Amino acid sequence: MSRAAENPPRIVSCPTCSERVKWTEGNPHRPFCSERCKLLDLGAWADETHTIPGDAAHDAVSEGLQPDGR
């Protein structure tokens, strides 16, 4: 008996629209339900609607330093 027959696919909620979708290799958009929801989520990260809590990262550009740290 194959492993797929032994274990039913995991059902997850799409992070964008909450539609319930199967977490399988047959779903190329997982954990999303569609390409549209995947792109909406990417856009939210790009425009900083989604962020990771914490202190802002420091980098050479924002501090006016050269790439070599001078």
PDB file of N, CA and C in Angstrom:
ATOM      1  N   MET A   1       0.842  -1.178   0.000  1.00  0.00           N
ATOM      2  CA  MET A   1       0.000   0.000   0.000  1.00  0.00           C
ATOM      3  C   MET A   1       0.890   1.245   0.000  1.00  0.00           C
ATOM      4  N   SER A   2       0.547   2.222  -0.838  1.00  0.00           N
ATOM      5  CA  SER A   2       1.367   3.426  -0.928  1.00  0.00           C
ATOM      6  C   SER A   2       1.148   4.319   0.278  1.00  0.00           C
ATOM      7  N   ARG A   3       2.116   5.184   0.503  1.00  0.00           N
ATOM      8  CA  ARG A   3       2.037   6.105   1.649  1.00  0.00           C
ATOM      9  C   ARG A   3       0.849   7.057   1.506  1.00  0.00           C
ATOM     10  N   ALA A   4       0.559   7.504   0.274  1.00  0.00           N
ATOM     11  CA  ALA A   4      -0.565   8.420   0.045  1.00  0.00           C
ATOM     12  C   ALA A   4      -1.881   7.762   0.416  1.00  0.00           C
ATOM     13  N   ALA A   5      -1.989   6.460   0.173  1.00  0.00           N
ATOM     14  CA  ALA A   5      -3.222   5.754   0.511  1.00  0.00           C
ATOM     15  C   ALA A   5      -3.360   5.588   2.024  1.00  0.00           C
ATOM     16  N   GLU A   6      -2.236   5.523   2.727  1.00  0.00           N
ATOM     17  CA  GLU A   6      -2.258   5.353   4.171  1.00  0.00           C
ATOM     18  C   GLU A   6      -2.654   6.635   4.898  1.00  0.00           C
ATOM     19  N   ASN A   7      -2.149   7.779   4.421  1.00  0.00           N
ATOM     20  CA  ASN A   7      -2.371   9.057   5.087  1.00  0.00           C
ATOM     21  C   ASN A   7      -3.156  10.008   4.186  1.00  0.00           C
ATOM     22  N   PRO A   8      -4.298  10.455   4.622  1.00  0.00           N
ATOM     23  CA  PRO A   8      -5.030  11.431   3.813  1.00  0.00           C
ATOM     24  C   PRO A   8      -4.253  12.743   3.773  1.00  0.00           C
ATOM     25  N   PRO A   9      -4.422  13.545   2.715  1.00  0.00           N
ATOM     26  CA  PRO A   9      -3.665  14.796   2.623  1.00  0.00           C
ATOM     27  C   PRO A   9      -4.049  15.758   3.744  1.00  0.00           C
ATOM     28  N   ARG A  10      -3.072  16.514   4.187  1.00  0.00           N
ATOM     29  CA  ARG A  10      -3.304  17.537   5.211  1.00  0.00           C
ATOM     30  C   ARG A  10      -4.105  18.672   4.579  1.00  0.00           C
ATOM     31  N   ILE A  11      -5.082  19.161   5.292  1.00  0.00           N
ATOM     32  CA  ILE A  11      -5.888  20.297   4.846  1.00  0.00           C
ATOM     33  C   ILE A  11      -5.436  21.522   5.643  1.00  0.00           C
ATOM     34  N   VAL A  12      -5.107  22.599   4.925  1.00  0.00           N
ATOM     35  CA  VAL A  12      -4.671  23.840   5.558  1.00  0.00           C
ATOM     36  C   VAL A  12      -5.539  24.990   5.058  1.00  0.00           C
ATOM     37  N   SER A  13      -5.507  26.092   5.773  1.00  0.00           N
ATOM     38  CA  SER A  13      -6.226  27.289   5.342  1.00  0.00           C
ATOM     39  C   SER A  13      -5.276  28.192   4.581  1.00  0.00           C
ATOM     40  N   CYS A  14      -5.731  28.698   3.447  1.00  0.00           N
ATOM     41  CA  CYS A  14      -4.934  29.640   2.665  1.00  0.00           C
ATOM     42  C   CYS A  14      -4.666  30.862   3.543  1.00  0.00           C
ATOM     43  N   PRO A  15      -3.402  31.296   3.670  1.00  0.00           N
ATOM     44  CA  PRO A  15      -3.087  32.442   4.532  1.00  0.00           C
ATOM     45  C   PRO A  15      -3.724  33.757   4.068  1.00  0.00           C
ATOM     46  N   THR A  16      -4.114  33.838   2.805  1.00  0.00           N
ATOM     47  CA  THR A  16      -4.681  35.072   2.281  1.00  0.00           C
ATOM     48  C   THR A  16      -6.195  35.120   2.409  1.00  0.00           C
ATOM     49  N   CYS A  17      -6.881  34.053   1.965  1.00  0.00           N
ATOM     50  CA  CYS A  17      -8.347  34.094   1.923  1.00  0.00           C
ATOM     51  C   CYS A  17      -9.020  33.094   2.854  1.00  0.00           C
ATOM     52  N   SER A  18      -8.249  32.256   3.494  1.00  0.00           N
ATOM     53  CA  SER A  18      -8.728  31.241   4.441  1.00  0.00           C
ATOM     54  C   SER A  18      -9.466  30.069   3.801  1.00  0.00           C
ATOM     55  N   GLU A  19      -9.456  29.968   2.472  1.00  0.00           N
ATOM     56  CA  GLU A  19     -10.061  28.804   1.819  1.00  0.00           C
ATOM     57  C   GLU A  19      -9.280  27.568   2.226  1.00  0.00           C
ATOM     58  N   ARG A  20      -9.979  26.468   2.438  1.00  0.00           N
ATOM     59  CA  ARG A  20      -9.317  25.236   2.840  1.00  0.00           C
ATOM     60  C   ARG A  20      -8.766  24.543   1.601  1.00  0.00           C
ATOM     61  N   VAL A  21      -7.465  24.189   1.651  1.00  0.00           N
ATOM     62  CA  VAL A  21      -6.794  23.563   0.515  1.00  0.00           C
ATOM     63  C   VAL A  21      -5.973  22.367   0.972  1.00  0.00           C
ATOM     64  N   LYS A  22      -5.769  21.432   0.038  1.00  0.00           N
ATOM     65  CA  LYS A  22      -4.951  20.256   0.338  1.00  0.00           C
ATOM     66  C   LYS A  22      -3.474  20.607   0.224  1.00  0.00           C
ATOM     67  N   TRP A  23      -2.691  20.143   1.194  1.00  0.00           N
ATOM     68  CA  TRP A  23      -1.241  20.325   1.169  1.00  0.00           C
ATOM     69  C   TRP A  23      -0.660  19.092   0.492  1.00  0.00           C
ATOM     70  N   THR A  24      -0.585  19.133  -0.831  1.00  0.00           N
ATOM     71  CA  THR A  24      -0.057  18.011  -1.595  1.00  0.00           C
ATOM     72  C   THR A  24       0.868  18.527  -2.690  1.00  0.00           C
ATOM     73  N   GLU A  25       1.649  17.619  -3.264  1.00  0.00           N
ATOM     74  CA  GLU A  25       2.518  17.993  -4.373  1.00  0.00           C
ATOM     75  C   GLU A  25       1.702  18.437  -5.574  1.00  0.00           C
ATOM     76  N   GLY A  26       0.444  18.041  -5.633  1.00  0.00           N
ATOM     77  CA  GLY A  26      -0.439  18.439  -6.723  1.00  0.00           C
ATOM     78  C   GLY A  26      -0.896  19.888  -6.633  1.00  0.00           C
ATOM     79  N   ASN A  27      -0.622  20.556  -5.508  1.00  0.00           N
ATOM     80  CA  ASN A  27      -0.987  21.966  -5.349  1.00  0.00           C
ATOM     81  C   ASN A  27       0.298  22.791  -5.448  1.00  0.00           C
ATOM     82  N   PRO A  28       0.587  23.356  -6.633  1.00  0.00           N
ATOM     83  CA  PRO A  28       1.837  24.098  -6.797  1.00  0.00           C
ATOM     84  C   PRO A  28       1.872  25.425  -6.039  1.00  0.00           C
ATOM     85  N   HIS A  29       0.739  25.857  -5.504  1.00  0.00           N
ATOM     86  CA  HIS A  29       0.667  27.143  -4.815  1.00  0.00           C
ATOM     87  C   HIS A  29       0.704  27.011  -3.297  1.00  0.00           C
ATOM     88  N   ARG A  30       0.805  25.787  -2.791  1.00  0.00           N
ATOM     89  CA  ARG A  30       0.709  25.583  -1.350  1.00  0.00           C
ATOM     90  C   ARG A  30       1.664  26.467  -0.581  1.00  0.00           C
ATOM     91  N   PRO A  31       1.313  27.050   0.504  1.00  0.00           N
ATOM     92  CA  PRO A  31       0.088  26.869   1.278  1.00  0.00           C
ATOM     93  C   PRO A  31      -1.089  27.704   0.779  1.00  0.00           C
ATOM     94  N   PHE A  32      -0.923  28.387  -0.346  1.00  0.00           N
ATOM     95  CA  PHE A  32      -1.997  29.223  -0.870  1.00  0.00           C
ATOM     96  C   PHE A  32      -2.934  28.390  -1.738  1.00  0.00           C
ATOM     97  N   CYS A  33      -4.132  28.925  -1.983  1.00  0.00           N
ATOM     98  CA  CYS A  33      -5.096  28.205  -2.807  1.00  0.00           C
ATOM     99  C   CYS A  33      -4.906  28.498  -4.288  1.00  0.00           C
ATOM    100  N   SER A  34      -4.252  29.617  -4.622  1.00  0.00           N
ATOM    101  CA  SER A  34      -4.113  30.010  -6.021  1.00  0.00           C
ATOM    102  C   SER A  34      -2.911  30.928  -6.209  1.00  0.00           C
ATOM    103  N   GLU A  35      -2.552  31.132  -7.466  1.00  0.00           N
ATOM    104  CA  GLU A  35      -1.480  32.068  -7.801  1.00  0.00           C
ATOM    105  C   GLU A  35      -1.862  33.475  -7.352  1.00  0.00           C
ATOM    106  N   ARG A  36      -3.133  33.829  -7.476  1.00  0.00           N
ATOM    107  CA  ARG A  36      -3.601  35.162  -7.073  1.00  0.00           C
ATOM    108  C   ARG A  36      -3.332  35.411  -5.596  1.00  0.00           C
ATOM    109  N   CYS A  37      -3.711  34.464  -4.732  1.00  0.00           N
ATOM    110  CA  CYS A  37      -3.483  34.636  -3.289  1.00  0.00           C
ATOM    111  C   CYS A  37      -1.995  34.682  -2.979  1.00  0.00           C
ATOM    112  N   LYS A  38      -1.215  33.904  -3.700  1.00  0.00           N
ATOM    113  CA  LYS A  38       0.238  33.901  -3.515  1.00  0.00           C
ATOM    114  C   LYS A  38       0.822  35.280  -3.829  1.00  0.00           C
ATOM    115  N   LEU A  39       0.375  35.884  -4.935  1.00  0.00           N
ATOM    116  CA  LEU A  39       0.875  37.196  -5.333  1.00  0.00           C
ATOM    117  C   LEU A  39       0.366  38.308  -4.419  1.00  0.00           C
ATOM    118  N   LEU A  40      -0.860  38.189  -3.931  1.00  0.00           N
ATOM    119  CA  LEU A  40      -1.365  39.176  -2.970  1.00  0.00           C
ATOM    120  C   LEU A  40      -0.508  39.177  -1.706  1.00  0.00           C
ATOM    121  N   ASP A  41      -0.129  37.997  -1.236  1.00  0.00           N
ATOM    122  CA  ASP A  41       0.711  37.890  -0.050  1.00  0.00           C
ATOM    123  C   ASP A  41       2.099  38.484  -0.318  1.00  0.00           C
ATOM    124  N   LEU A  42       2.677  38.175  -1.472  1.00  0.00           N
ATOM    125  CA  LEU A  42       3.982  38.731  -1.826  1.00  0.00           C
ATOM    126  C   LEU A  42       3.923  40.257  -1.863  1.00  0.00           C
ATOM    127  N   GLY A  43       2.848  40.803  -2.435  1.00  0.00           N
ATOM    128  CA  GLY A  43       2.683  42.255  -2.490  1.00  0.00           C
ATOM    129  C   GLY A  43       2.585  42.875  -1.112  1.00  0.00           C
ATOM    130  N   ALA A  44       1.918  42.187  -0.189  1.00  0.00           N
ATOM    131  CA  ALA A  44       1.793  42.705   1.180  1.00  0.00           C
ATOM    132  C   ALA A  44       3.155  42.764   1.867  1.00  0.00           C
ATOM    133  N   TRP A  45       4.019  41.798   1.592  1.00  0.00           N
ATOM    134  CA  TRP A  45       5.376  41.851   2.149  1.00  0.00           C
ATOM    135  C   TRP A  45       6.165  42.972   1.478  1.00  0.00           C
ATOM    136  N   ALA A  46       6.006  43.117   0.148  1.00  0.00           N
ATOM    137  CA  ALA A  46       6.769  44.121  -0.595  1.00  0.00           C
ATOM    138  C   ALA A  46       6.425  45.544  -0.160  1.00  0.00           C
ATOM    139  N   ASP A  47       5.138  45.805   0.120  1.00  0.00           N
ATOM    140  CA  ASP A  47       4.779  47.171   0.545  1.00  0.00           C
ATOM    141  C   ASP A  47       4.778  47.327   2.063  1.00  0.00           C
ATOM    142  N   GLU A  48       5.319  46.316   2.735  1.00  0.00           N
ATOM    143  CA  GLU A  48       5.502  46.306   4.190  1.00  0.00           C
ATOM    144  C   GLU A  48       4.200  46.352   4.987  1.00  0.00           C
ATOM    145  N   THR A  49       3.105  45.860   4.385  1.00  0.00           N
ATOM    146  CA  THR A  49       1.875  45.635   5.146  1.00  0.00           C
ATOM    147  C   THR A  49       2.127  44.494   6.133  1.00  0.00           C
ATOM    148  N   HIS A  50       2.828  43.453   5.656  1.00  0.00           N
ATOM    149  CA  HIS A  50       3.278  42.361   6.521  1.00  0.00           C
ATOM    150  C   HIS A  50       4.697  42.699   6.970  1.00  0.00           C
ATOM    151  N   THR A  51       4.955  42.566   8.251  1.00  0.00           N
ATOM    152  CA  THR A  51       6.299  42.784   8.776  1.00  0.00           C
ATOM    153  C   THR A  51       6.581  41.782   9.882  1.00  0.00           C
ATOM    154  N   ILE A  52       7.832  41.618  10.206  1.00  0.00           N
ATOM    155  CA  ILE A  52       8.227  40.782  11.330  1.00  0.00           C
ATOM    156  C   ILE A  52       8.533  41.726  12.483  1.00  0.00           C
ATOM    157  N   PRO A  53       7.883  41.540  13.641  1.00  0.00           N
ATOM    158  CA  PRO A  53       8.109  42.448  14.765  1.00  0.00           C
ATOM    159  C   PRO A  53       9.568  42.442  15.224  1.00  0.00           C
ATOM    160  N   GLY A  54      10.012  43.586  15.684  1.00  0.00           N
ATOM    161  CA  GLY A  54      11.362  43.691  16.209  1.00  0.00           C
ATOM    162  C   GLY A  54      11.977  45.019  15.838  1.00  0.00           C
ATOM    163  N   ASP A  55      13.209  45.196  16.272  1.00  0.00           N
ATOM    164  CA  ASP A  55      13.930  46.415  15.948  1.00  0.00           C
ATOM    165  C   ASP A  55      14.279  46.428  14.467  1.00  0.00           C
ATOM    166  N   ALA A  56      14.327  47.623  13.903  1.00  0.00           N
ATOM    167  CA  ALA A  56      14.690  47.764  12.501  1.00  0.00           C
ATOM    168  C   ALA A  56      16.125  47.292  12.291  1.00  0.00           C
ATOM    169  N   ALA A  57      16.356  46.668  11.168  1.00  0.00           N
ATOM    170  CA  ALA A  57      17.701  46.207  10.829  1.00  0.00           C
ATOM    171  C   ALA A  57      18.556  47.400  10.429  1.00  0.00           C
ATOM    172  N   HIS A  58      19.817  47.326  10.726  1.00  0.00           N
ATOM    173  CA  HIS A  58      20.756  48.378  10.343  1.00  0.00           C
ATOM    174  C   HIS A  58      21.582  47.862   9.179  1.00  0.00           C
ATOM    175  N   ASP A  59      21.748  48.702   8.197  1.00  0.00           N
ATOM    176  CA  ASP A  59      22.617  48.331   7.094  1.00  0.00           C
ATOM    177  C   ASP A  59      23.484  49.517   6.697  1.00  0.00           C
ATOM    178  N   ALA A  60      24.501  49.253   5.910  1.00  0.00           N
ATOM    179  CA  ALA A  60      25.469  50.280   5.535  1.00  0.00           C
ATOM    180  C   ALA A  60      24.812  51.428   4.775  1.00  0.00           C
ATOM    181  N   VAL A  61      23.862  51.136   3.921  1.00  0.00           N
ATOM    182  CA  VAL A  61      23.231  52.180   3.113  1.00  0.00           C
ATOM    183  C   VAL A  61      22.448  53.149   3.985  1.00  0.00           C
ATOM    184  N   SER A  62      21.643  52.641   4.908  1.00  0.00           N
ATOM    185  CA  SER A  62      20.842  53.535   5.740  1.00  0.00           C
ATOM    186  C   SER A  62      21.691  54.342   6.714  1.00  0.00           C
ATOM    187  N   GLU A  63      22.881  53.866   7.014  1.00  0.00           N
ATOM    188  CA  GLU A  63      23.774  54.583   7.918  1.00  0.00           C
ATOM    189  C   GLU A  63      24.781  55.450   7.171  1.00  0.00           C
ATOM    190  N   GLY A  64      24.683  55.495   5.837  1.00  0.00           N
ATOM    191  CA  GLY A  64      25.561  56.345   5.042  1.00  0.00           C
ATOM    192  C   GLY A  64      26.985  55.831   4.929  1.00  0.00           C
ATOM    193  N   LEU A  65      27.194  54.562   5.171  1.00  0.00           N
ATOM    194  CA  LEU A  65      28.552  53.989   5.084  1.00  0.00           C
ATOM    195  C   LEU A  65      28.796  53.393   3.713  1.00  0.00           C
ATOM    196  N   GLN A  66      30.041  53.250   3.370  1.00  0.00           N
ATOM    197  CA  GLN A  66      30.426  52.562   2.140  1.00  0.00           C
ATOM    198  C   GLN A  66      30.204  51.064   2.354  1.00  0.00           C
ATOM    199  N   PRO A  67      30.049  50.304   1.265  1.00  0.00           N
ATOM    200  CA  PRO A  67      29.855  48.847   1.406  1.00  0.00           C
ATOM    201  C   PRO A  67      30.952  48.148   2.187  1.00  0.00           C
ATOM    202  N   ASP A  68      32.174  48.721   2.237  1.00  0.00           N
ATOM    203  CA  ASP A  68      33.253  48.077   2.986  1.00  0.00           C
ATOM    204  C   ASP A  68      33.258  48.502   4.458  1.00  0.00           C
ATOM    205  N   GLY A  69      32.235  49.282   4.889  1.00  0.00           N
ATOM    206  CA  GLY A  69      32.095  49.643   6.298  1.00  0.00           C
ATOM    207  C   GLY A  69      32.724  50.964   6.685  1.00  0.00           C
ATOM    208  N   ARG A  70      33.300  51.725   5.742  1.00  0.00           N
ATOM    209  CA  ARG A  70      33.935  53.007   6.071  1.00  0.00           C
ATOM    210  C   ARG A  70      32.964  54.147   5.988  1.00  0.00           C
TER     211      ARG A  70
END
